[in-house]
Amino acid sequence: MLLAIDIGNTNITLGVFDGNKPVATWRIATGVHRMADEYASLLLDMFDRRDISPSQIKEAVMCSVVPPLITVFEEVCHRYLGISPLVVQAGVKTGVRILLDNPREVGPDRVVNAAAAHHLYGGPVIVIDLGTAITFDTVSKEGDYLGGAIAPGIAIATEALFNRTAMLPRVELVRPKKAIGKNTVTAMQSGIVFGYVALIEGMVKRICRELKGEAKIIATGGYAELLARETSVIQEVNPDLTLIGLRLIYELNRS
């Protein structure tokens, strides 16, 4: 079995693959101050609850946008699983040609998403990752990573309203019944949820205009389901896209 680890700024997503299919996935909070033993304890408990033995994990692959946690999870894999994980970074084959001014600038998770999206959906394809940040990643028909856009994530925006204003409360991120809020909470929910839907629709329209044609639109990330329900622009939600990309990249570098 293969363990795939996607370390994000807010959440860490993990998945175990038996062949091509994920047999179990988990999401835990990112904690830069957690020690390897703490993460190992969480991991082994999750394995146990899904009847997965650590000895069944023969391979591992990871990507991280939190550099200090790379060595932490390498230690977890070494000490508790007896394996050395493949870390997606410069020099690792991804199957995607990165057409940016400086290819080393792009986050590994974005490259992994691009690789998975092209493999699963062909191209051109736009991947919208709705996590700590919202990223729009564009892949050509030929599988080239063309670049994209980055915006503050929905949770960041919500917290900013609460922290930087004197009278606005912290609100639950749910769909309001109407765009015209009748109180402060529903007004904030409208502005956040429907406002981000408008952001997505506007960005997709602009990117497709630059592509001079239509593209498949795929969403992933923690808020993908919430926002996808409010727009026809998003054609598919794939919560396991990054984990699938990690598996594909591992297979590409296996030989």
C-alpha atoms as a PDB file:
ATOM      1  CA  MET A   1       0.000   0.000   0.000  1.00  0.00           C
ATOM      2  CA  LEU A   2       1.040   3.586  -0.654  1.00  0.00           C
ATOM      3  CA  LEU A   3       0.642   6.423   1.857  1.00  0.00           C
ATOM      4  CA  ALA A   4       0.102   9.846   0.245  1.00  0.00           C
ATOM      5  CA  ILE A   5       0.503  12.986   2.372  1.00  0.00           C
ATOM      6  CA  ASP A   6      -0.525  16.505   1.337  1.00  0.00           C
ATOM      7  CA  ILE A   7       0.669  19.043   3.914  1.00  0.00           C
ATOM      8  CA  GLY A   8      -1.222  22.328   3.621  1.00  0.00           C
ATOM      9  CA  ASN A   9      -1.187  25.483   5.702  1.00  0.00           C
ATOM     10  CA  THR A  10      -4.473  24.662   7.457  1.00  0.00           C
ATOM     11  CA  ASN A  11      -5.007  20.927   6.956  1.00  0.00           C
ATOM     12  CA  ILE A  12      -2.995  17.820   6.247  1.00  0.00           C
ATOM     13  CA  THR A  13      -4.745  15.360   3.973  1.00  0.00           C
ATOM     14  CA  LEU A  14      -3.629  11.745   3.999  1.00  0.00           C
ATOM     15  CA  GLY A  15      -4.674   8.788   1.904  1.00  0.00           C
ATOM     16  CA  VAL A  16      -3.796   5.124   1.634  1.00  0.00           C
ATOM     17  CA  PHE A  17      -3.868   3.583  -1.838  1.00  0.00           C
ATOM     18  CA  ASP A  18      -4.148  -0.090  -2.643  1.00  0.00           C
ATOM     19  CA  GLY A  19      -3.350   0.002  -6.331  1.00  0.00           C
ATOM     20  CA  ASN A  20      -5.078   2.904  -8.072  1.00  0.00           C
ATOM     21  CA  LYS A  21      -7.865   3.416  -5.559  1.00  0.00           C
ATOM     22  CA  PRO A  22      -7.749   5.221  -2.199  1.00  0.00           C
ATOM     23  CA  VAL A  23      -8.980   2.805   0.475  1.00  0.00           C
ATOM     24  CA  ALA A  24      -8.943   5.408   3.243  1.00  0.00           C
ATOM     25  CA  THR A  25      -8.525   9.175   3.510  1.00  0.00           C
ATOM     26  CA  TRP A  26      -8.205  11.506   6.487  1.00  0.00           C
ATOM     27  CA  ARG A  27      -7.886  15.215   7.175  1.00  0.00           C
ATOM     28  CA  ILE A  28      -6.170  16.594  10.284  1.00  0.00           C
ATOM     29  CA  ALA A  29      -5.264  20.108  11.397  1.00  0.00           C
ATOM     30  CA  THR A  30      -1.793  21.342  10.514  1.00  0.00           C
ATOM     31  CA  GLY A  31       0.348  22.038  13.573  1.00  0.00           C
ATOM     32  CA  VAL A  32       3.872  23.242  12.949  1.00  0.00           C
ATOM     33  CA  HIS A  33       4.790  22.690  16.589  1.00  0.00           C
ATOM     34  CA  ARG A  34       3.705  19.047  16.734  1.00  0.00           C
ATOM     35  CA  MET A  35       6.511  16.543  17.045  1.00  0.00           C
ATOM     36  CA  ALA A  36       6.937  13.491  14.839  1.00  0.00           C
ATOM     37  CA  ASP A  37       5.763  11.244  17.677  1.00  0.00           C
ATOM     38  CA  GLU A  38       2.518  13.216  17.965  1.00  0.00           C
ATOM     39  CA  TYR A  39       1.771  12.926  14.260  1.00  0.00           C
ATOM     40  CA  ALA A  40       2.716   9.250  14.372  1.00  0.00           C
ATOM     41  CA  SER A  41       0.274   8.663  17.205  1.00  0.00           C
ATOM     42  CA  LEU A  42      -2.528  10.254  15.178  1.00  0.00           C
ATOM     43  CA  LEU A  43      -1.564   8.327  12.059  1.00  0.00           C
ATOM     44  CA  LEU A  44      -1.361   4.934  13.753  1.00  0.00           C
ATOM     45  CA  ASP A  45      -4.703   5.503  15.467  1.00  0.00           C
ATOM     46  CA  MET A  46      -6.312   6.335  12.119  1.00  0.00           C
ATOM     47  CA  PHE A  47      -4.778   3.214  10.607  1.00  0.00           C
ATOM     48  CA  ASP A  48      -6.152   1.119  13.445  1.00  0.00           C
ATOM     49  CA  ARG A  49      -9.674   2.468  13.022  1.00  0.00           C
ATOM     50  CA  ARG A  50      -9.616   1.410   9.368  1.00  0.00           C
ATOM     51  CA  ASP A  51      -7.975  -1.978  10.037  1.00  0.00           C
ATOM     52  CA  ILE A  52      -4.778  -0.968   8.267  1.00  0.00           C
ATOM     53  CA  SER A  53      -1.550  -2.376   9.667  1.00  0.00           C
ATOM     54  CA  PRO A  54       1.564  -0.146   9.503  1.00  0.00           C
ATOM     55  CA  SER A  55       3.408  -3.126   7.998  1.00  0.00           C
ATOM     56  CA  GLN A  56       1.079  -2.920   4.975  1.00  0.00           C
ATOM     57  CA  ILE A  57       2.434   0.520   4.080  1.00  0.00           C
ATOM     58  CA  LYS A  58       5.355  -0.175   1.769  1.00  0.00           C
ATOM     59  CA  GLU A  59       5.699   3.208   0.054  1.00  0.00           C
ATOM     60  CA  ALA A  60       5.033   6.894   0.750  1.00  0.00           C
ATOM     61  CA  VAL A  61       4.910  10.162  -1.165  1.00  0.00           C
ATOM     62  CA  MET A  62       4.304  13.694   0.056  1.00  0.00           C
ATOM     63  CA  CYS A  63       4.080  17.330  -0.943  1.00  0.00           C
ATOM     64  CA  SER A  64       4.184  20.247   1.463  1.00  0.00           C
ATOM     65  CA  VAL A  65       3.726  24.000   1.458  1.00  0.00           C
ATOM     66  CA  VAL A  66       4.953  24.052   5.082  1.00  0.00           C
ATOM     67  CA  PRO A  67       8.716  23.359   4.774  1.00  0.00           C
ATOM     68  CA  PRO A  68       9.388  22.582   8.482  1.00  0.00           C
ATOM     69  CA  LEU A  69       6.919  19.698   8.378  1.00  0.00           C
ATOM     70  CA  ILE A  70       8.756  17.891   5.586  1.00  0.00           C
ATOM     71  CA  THR A  71      11.454  16.637   7.956  1.00  0.00           C
ATOM     72  CA  VAL A  72       8.823  15.857  10.605  1.00  0.00           C
ATOM     73  CA  PHE A  73       6.890  13.546   8.291  1.00  0.00           C
ATOM     74  CA  GLU A  74      10.084  12.049   6.897  1.00  0.00           C
ATOM     75  CA  GLU A  75      10.868  11.083  10.495  1.00  0.00           C
ATOM     76  CA  VAL A  76       7.362   9.653  10.948  1.00  0.00           C
ATOM     77  CA  CYS A  77       7.814   7.479   7.864  1.00  0.00           C
ATOM     78  CA  HIS A  78      11.337   6.367   8.828  1.00  0.00           C
ATOM     79  CA  ARG A  79      10.694   5.568  12.482  1.00  0.00           C
ATOM     80  CA  TYR A  80       7.161   4.200  12.401  1.00  0.00           C
ATOM     81  CA  LEU A  81       6.764   2.751   8.907  1.00  0.00           C
ATOM     82  CA  GLY A  82      10.356   1.894   8.000  1.00  0.00           C
ATOM     83  CA  ILE A  83      10.198   3.643   4.625  1.00  0.00           C
ATOM     84  CA  SER A  84      11.627   6.743   2.943  1.00  0.00           C
ATOM     85  CA  PRO A  85       8.956   8.956   1.368  1.00  0.00           C
ATOM     86  CA  LEU A  86       9.312  10.571  -2.034  1.00  0.00           C
ATOM     87  CA  VAL A  87       9.046  14.341  -1.536  1.00  0.00           C
ATOM     88  CA  VAL A  88       7.644  16.239  -4.521  1.00  0.00           C
ATOM     89  CA  GLN A  89      10.110  19.054  -5.114  1.00  0.00           C
ATOM     90  CA  ALA A  90      12.514  20.333  -7.758  1.00  0.00           C
ATOM     91  CA  GLY A  91      14.074  17.436  -9.664  1.00  0.00           C
ATOM     92  CA  VAL A  92      11.130  15.061  -9.224  1.00  0.00           C
ATOM     93  CA  LYS A  93       9.399  13.961 -12.424  1.00  0.00           C
ATOM     94  CA  THR A  94       5.789  15.150 -12.504  1.00  0.00           C
ATOM     95  CA  GLY A  95       4.799  14.602 -16.120  1.00  0.00           C
ATOM     96  CA  VAL A  96       3.905  18.284 -16.348  1.00  0.00           C
ATOM     97  CA  ARG A  97       5.968  20.920 -18.126  1.00  0.00           C
ATOM     98  CA  ILE A  98       5.858  24.119 -16.059  1.00  0.00           C
ATOM     99  CA  LEU A  99       5.670  27.171 -18.316  1.00  0.00           C
ATOM    100  CA  LEU A 100       6.311  29.871 -15.705  1.00  0.00           C
ATOM    101  CA  ASP A 101       8.934  32.600 -15.480  1.00  0.00           C
ATOM    102  CA  ASN A 102      10.488  30.710 -12.550  1.00  0.00           C
ATOM    103  CA  PRO A 103       9.212  27.116 -12.314  1.00  0.00           C
ATOM    104  CA  ARG A 104      10.692  26.727  -8.822  1.00  0.00           C
ATOM    105  CA  GLU A 105       8.239  29.329  -7.490  1.00  0.00           C
ATOM    106  CA  VAL A 106       5.128  27.262  -8.007  1.00  0.00           C
ATOM    107  CA  GLY A 107       3.845  25.372  -4.966  1.00  0.00           C
ATOM    108  CA  PRO A 108       4.240  21.598  -5.200  1.00  0.00           C
ATOM    109  CA  ASP A 109       0.553  21.070  -4.432  1.00  0.00           C
ATOM    110  CA  ARG A 110      -0.390  23.094  -7.501  1.00  0.00           C
ATOM    111  CA  VAL A 111       1.889  21.003  -9.716  1.00  0.00           C
ATOM    112  CA  VAL A 112       0.455  17.815  -8.201  1.00  0.00           C
ATOM    113  CA  ASN A 113      -3.099  19.041  -8.868  1.00  0.00           C
ATOM    114  CA  ALA A 114      -2.168  19.895 -12.447  1.00  0.00           C
ATOM    115  CA  ALA A 115      -0.705  16.427 -13.012  1.00  0.00           C
ATOM    116  CA  ALA A 116      -3.803  14.736 -11.605  1.00  0.00           C
ATOM    117  CA  ALA A 117      -6.246  16.936 -13.510  1.00  0.00           C
ATOM    118  CA  HIS A 118      -4.553  16.347 -16.853  1.00  0.00           C
ATOM    119  CA  HIS A 119      -4.409  12.599 -16.247  1.00  0.00           C
ATOM    120  CA  LEU A 120      -8.075  12.372 -15.224  1.00  0.00           C
ATOM    121  CA  TYR A 121      -9.720  14.998 -17.410  1.00  0.00           C
ATOM    122  CA  GLY A 122      -7.363  15.826 -20.271  1.00  0.00           C
ATOM    123  CA  GLY A 123      -7.171  19.469 -21.204  1.00  0.00           C
ATOM    124  CA  PRO A 124      -7.495  22.293 -21.237  1.00  0.00           C
ATOM    125  CA  VAL A 125      -8.517  22.098 -17.606  1.00  0.00           C
ATOM    126  CA  ILE A 126      -8.735  24.624 -14.777  1.00  0.00           C
ATOM    127  CA  VAL A 127      -8.265  23.361 -11.227  1.00  0.00           C
ATOM    128  CA  ILE A 128      -9.773  25.506  -8.478  1.00  0.00           C
ATOM    129  CA  ASP A 129      -8.328  24.554  -5.091  1.00  0.00           C
ATOM    130  CA  LEU A 130     -10.495  26.045  -2.348  1.00  0.00           C
ATOM    131  CA  GLY A 131      -8.262  25.832   0.684  1.00  0.00           C
ATOM    132  CA  THR A 132      -6.358  28.336   2.821  1.00  0.00           C
ATOM    133  CA  ALA A 133      -5.850  30.226  -0.411  1.00  0.00           C
ATOM    134  CA  ILE A 134      -7.926  29.887  -3.556  1.00  0.00           C
ATOM    135  CA  THR A 135      -5.733  28.879  -6.462  1.00  0.00           C
ATOM    136  CA  PHE A 136      -6.684  28.674 -10.114  1.00  0.00           C
ATOM    137  CA  ASP A 137      -4.313  26.409 -12.048  1.00  0.00           C
ATOM    138  CA  THR A 138      -4.526  26.065 -15.814  1.00  0.00           C
ATOM    139  CA  VAL A 139      -3.298  23.084 -17.803  1.00  0.00           C
ATOM    140  CA  SER A 140      -3.221  23.022 -21.592  1.00  0.00           C
ATOM    141  CA  LYS A 141      -4.478  20.266 -23.860  1.00  0.00           C
ATOM    142  CA  GLU A 142      -0.894  19.082 -24.179  1.00  0.00           C
ATOM    143  CA  GLY A 143      -0.475  18.836 -20.406  1.00  0.00           C
ATOM    144  CA  ASP A 144       1.572  22.000 -19.909  1.00  0.00           C
ATOM    145  CA  TYR A 145       1.092  23.902 -16.666  1.00  0.00           C
ATOM    146  CA  LEU A 146       0.393  27.442 -17.882  1.00  0.00           C
ATOM    147  CA  GLY A 147       0.074  29.233 -14.536  1.00  0.00           C
ATOM    148  CA  GLY A 148      -2.947  30.670 -12.822  1.00  0.00           C
ATOM    149  CA  ALA A 149      -4.087  32.955 -10.037  1.00  0.00           C
ATOM    150  CA  ILE A 150      -4.012  33.077  -6.232  1.00  0.00           C
ATOM    151  CA  ALA A 151      -6.564  34.784  -3.982  1.00  0.00           C
ATOM    152  CA  PRO A 152      -7.158  34.801  -0.219  1.00  0.00           C
ATOM    153  CA  GLY A 153      -9.168  31.778   0.863  1.00  0.00           C
ATOM    154  CA  ILE A 154     -12.706  31.959   2.158  1.00  0.00           C
ATOM    155  CA  ALA A 155     -11.691  31.170   5.751  1.00  0.00           C
ATOM    156  CA  ILE A 156      -8.954  33.822   5.710  1.00  0.00           C
ATOM    157  CA  ALA A 157     -11.428  36.428   4.466  1.00  0.00           C
ATOM    158  CA  THR A 158     -13.956  35.483   7.130  1.00  0.00           C
ATOM    159  CA  GLU A 159     -11.397  35.707   9.927  1.00  0.00           C
ATOM    160  CA  ALA A 160     -10.132  39.042   8.595  1.00  0.00           C
ATOM    161  CA  LEU A 161     -13.623  40.525   8.835  1.00  0.00           C
ATOM    162  CA  PHE A 162     -13.909  39.354  12.432  1.00  0.00           C
ATOM    163  CA  ASN A 163     -10.403  40.365  13.513  1.00  0.00           C
ATOM    164  CA  ARG A 164     -10.124  43.702  11.700  1.00  0.00           C
ATOM    165  CA  THR A 165     -13.542  45.171  12.501  1.00  0.00           C
ATOM    166  CA  ALA A 166     -14.997  46.249  15.812  1.00  0.00           C
ATOM    167  CA  MET A 167     -18.590  45.120  15.359  1.00  0.00           C
ATOM    168  CA  LEU A 168     -18.656  42.206  12.910  1.00  0.00           C
ATOM    169  CA  PRO A 169     -18.977  38.750  14.497  1.00  0.00           C
ATOM    170  CA  ARG A 170     -17.369  35.463  13.548  1.00  0.00           C
ATOM    171  CA  VAL A 171     -19.919  33.612  11.383  1.00  0.00           C
ATOM    172  CA  GLU A 172     -20.523  30.050  10.278  1.00  0.00           C
ATOM    173  CA  LEU A 173     -19.673  29.462   6.638  1.00  0.00           C
ATOM    174  CA  VAL A 174     -23.038  28.274   5.344  1.00  0.00           C
ATOM    175  CA  ARG A 175     -25.258  29.288   2.452  1.00  0.00           C
ATOM    176  CA  PRO A 176     -27.663  32.123   3.318  1.00  0.00           C
ATOM    177  CA  LYS A 177     -31.202  31.905   1.978  1.00  0.00           C
ATOM    178  CA  LYS A 178     -30.943  35.161   0.021  1.00  0.00           C
ATOM    179  CA  ALA A 179     -28.317  37.499  -1.334  1.00  0.00           C
ATOM    180  CA  ILE A 180     -29.933  40.404   0.517  1.00  0.00           C
ATOM    181  CA  GLY A 181     -29.108  39.707   4.143  1.00  0.00           C
ATOM    182  CA  LYS A 182     -31.649  40.849   6.731  1.00  0.00           C
ATOM    183  CA  ASN A 183     -29.145  40.963   9.595  1.00  0.00           C
ATOM    184  CA  THR A 184     -25.405  41.226  10.082  1.00  0.00           C
ATOM    185  CA  VAL A 185     -24.787  37.465  10.104  1.00  0.00           C
ATOM    186  CA  THR A 186     -26.750  36.694   6.932  1.00  0.00           C
ATOM    187  CA  ALA A 187     -25.289  39.764   5.229  1.00  0.00           C
ATOM    188  CA  MET A 188     -21.778  38.502   5.964  1.00  0.00           C
ATOM    189  CA  GLN A 189     -22.661  34.982   4.827  1.00  0.00           C
ATOM    190  CA  SER A 190     -24.063  36.383   1.600  1.00  0.00           C
ATOM    191  CA  GLY A 191     -21.013  38.513   0.928  1.00  0.00           C
ATOM    192  CA  ILE A 192     -18.623  35.656   1.660  1.00  0.00           C
ATOM    193  CA  VAL A 193     -20.373  32.688   0.021  1.00  0.00           C
ATOM    194  CA  PHE A 194     -21.993  34.430  -2.946  1.00  0.00           C
ATOM    195  CA  GLY A 195     -19.074  36.835  -3.252  1.00  0.00           C
ATOM    196  CA  TYR A 196     -16.626  33.974  -3.658  1.00  0.00           C
ATOM    197  CA  VAL A 197     -18.928  32.303  -6.154  1.00  0.00           C
ATOM    198  CA  ALA A 198     -18.803  35.521  -8.194  1.00  0.00           C
ATOM    199  CA  LEU A 199     -15.005  35.529  -7.857  1.00  0.00           C
ATOM    200  CA  ILE A 200     -14.851  31.980  -9.222  1.00  0.00           C
ATOM    201  CA  GLU A 201     -17.198  32.716 -12.109  1.00  0.00           C
ATOM    202  CA  GLY A 202     -15.346  35.892 -13.020  1.00  0.00           C
ATOM    203  CA  MET A 203     -11.896  34.308 -12.910  1.00  0.00           C
ATOM    204  CA  VAL A 204     -12.988  31.296 -14.950  1.00  0.00           C
ATOM    205  CA  LYS A 205     -14.464  33.602 -17.585  1.00  0.00           C
ATOM    206  CA  ARG A 206     -11.236  35.608 -17.804  1.00  0.00           C
ATOM    207  CA  ILE A 207      -9.002  32.531 -17.965  1.00  0.00           C
ATOM    208  CA  CYS A 208     -11.130  30.915 -20.668  1.00  0.00           C
ATOM    209  CA  ARG A 209     -10.993  34.151 -22.642  1.00  0.00           C
ATOM    210  CA  GLU A 210      -7.183  33.996 -22.534  1.00  0.00           C
ATOM    211  CA  LEU A 211      -7.268  30.319 -23.506  1.00  0.00           C
ATOM    212  CA  LYS A 212      -9.499  31.304 -26.434  1.00  0.00           C
ATOM    213  CA  GLY A 213     -11.883  28.479 -25.697  1.00  0.00           C
ATOM    214  CA  GLU A 214     -13.666  26.386 -23.115  1.00  0.00           C
ATOM    215  CA  ALA A 215     -11.999  24.335 -20.391  1.00  0.00           C
ATOM    216  CA  LYS A 216     -13.035  21.626 -17.967  1.00  0.00           C
ATOM    217  CA  ILE A 217     -13.475  23.156 -14.494  1.00  0.00           C
ATOM    218  CA  ILE A 218     -12.568  20.951 -11.522  1.00  0.00           C
ATOM    219  CA  ALA A 219     -12.776  21.984  -7.870  1.00  0.00           C
ATOM    220  CA  THR A 220     -11.027  20.492  -4.874  1.00  0.00           C
ATOM    221  CA  GLY A 221     -10.217  21.572  -1.324  1.00  0.00           C
ATOM    222  CA  GLY A 222     -12.160  21.992   1.889  1.00  0.00           C
ATOM    223  CA  TYR A 223     -14.745  24.494   0.615  1.00  0.00           C
ATOM    224  CA  ALA A 224     -15.261  22.989  -2.835  1.00  0.00           C
ATOM    225  CA  GLU A 225     -18.596  21.324  -2.074  1.00  0.00           C
ATOM    226  CA  LEU A 226     -20.061  24.462  -0.468  1.00  0.00           C
ATOM    227  CA  LEU A 227     -19.254  26.755  -3.386  1.00  0.00           C
ATOM    228  CA  ALA A 228     -19.811  24.240  -6.190  1.00  0.00           C
ATOM    229  CA  ARG A 229     -23.472  23.960  -5.192  1.00  0.00           C
ATOM    230  CA  GLU A 230     -23.929  27.643  -6.013  1.00  0.00           C
ATOM    231  CA  THR A 231     -22.555  27.739  -9.553  1.00  0.00           C
ATOM    232  CA  SER A 232     -22.800  25.783 -12.773  1.00  0.00           C
ATOM    233  CA  VAL A 233     -19.260  26.834 -13.701  1.00  0.00           C
ATOM    234  CA  ILE A 234     -17.720  24.051 -11.602  1.00  0.00           C
ATOM    235  CA  GLN A 235     -18.303  20.832 -13.494  1.00  0.00           C
ATOM    236  CA  GLU A 236     -16.898  18.373 -10.994  1.00  0.00           C
ATOM    237  CA  VAL A 237     -15.698  18.275  -7.396  1.00  0.00           C
ATOM    238  CA  ASN A 238     -12.846  15.868  -6.682  1.00  0.00           C
ATOM    239  CA  PRO A 239     -11.826  15.953  -3.009  1.00  0.00           C
ATOM    240  CA  ASP A 240      -9.042  13.411  -3.599  1.00  0.00           C
ATOM    241  CA  LEU A 241      -7.412  15.215  -6.541  1.00  0.00           C
ATOM    242  CA  THR A 242      -4.129  16.050  -4.778  1.00  0.00           C
ATOM    243  CA  LEU A 243      -3.786  12.567  -3.296  1.00  0.00           C
ATOM    244  CA  ILE A 244      -4.401  11.045  -6.733  1.00  0.00           C
ATOM    245  CA  GLY A 245      -1.751  13.342  -8.191  1.00  0.00           C
ATOM    246  CA  LEU A 246       0.721  12.253  -5.535  1.00  0.00           C
ATOM    247  CA  ARG A 247       0.121   8.612  -6.413  1.00  0.00           C
ATOM    248  CA  LEU A 248       0.621   9.321 -10.124  1.00  0.00           C
ATOM    249  CA  ILE A 249       3.869  11.173  -9.491  1.00  0.00           C
ATOM    250  CA  TYR A 250       5.124   8.379  -7.251  1.00  0.00           C
ATOM    251  CA  GLU A 251       4.472   5.850 -10.006  1.00  0.00           C
ATOM    252  CA  LEU A 252       6.264   8.096 -12.510  1.00  0.00           C
ATOM    253  CA  ASN A 253       9.381   8.194 -10.328  1.00  0.00           C
ATOM    254  CA  ARG A 254       9.258   4.563  -9.249  1.00  0.00           C
ATOM    255  CA  SER A 255      11.331   3.124 -12.062  1.00  0.00           C
END
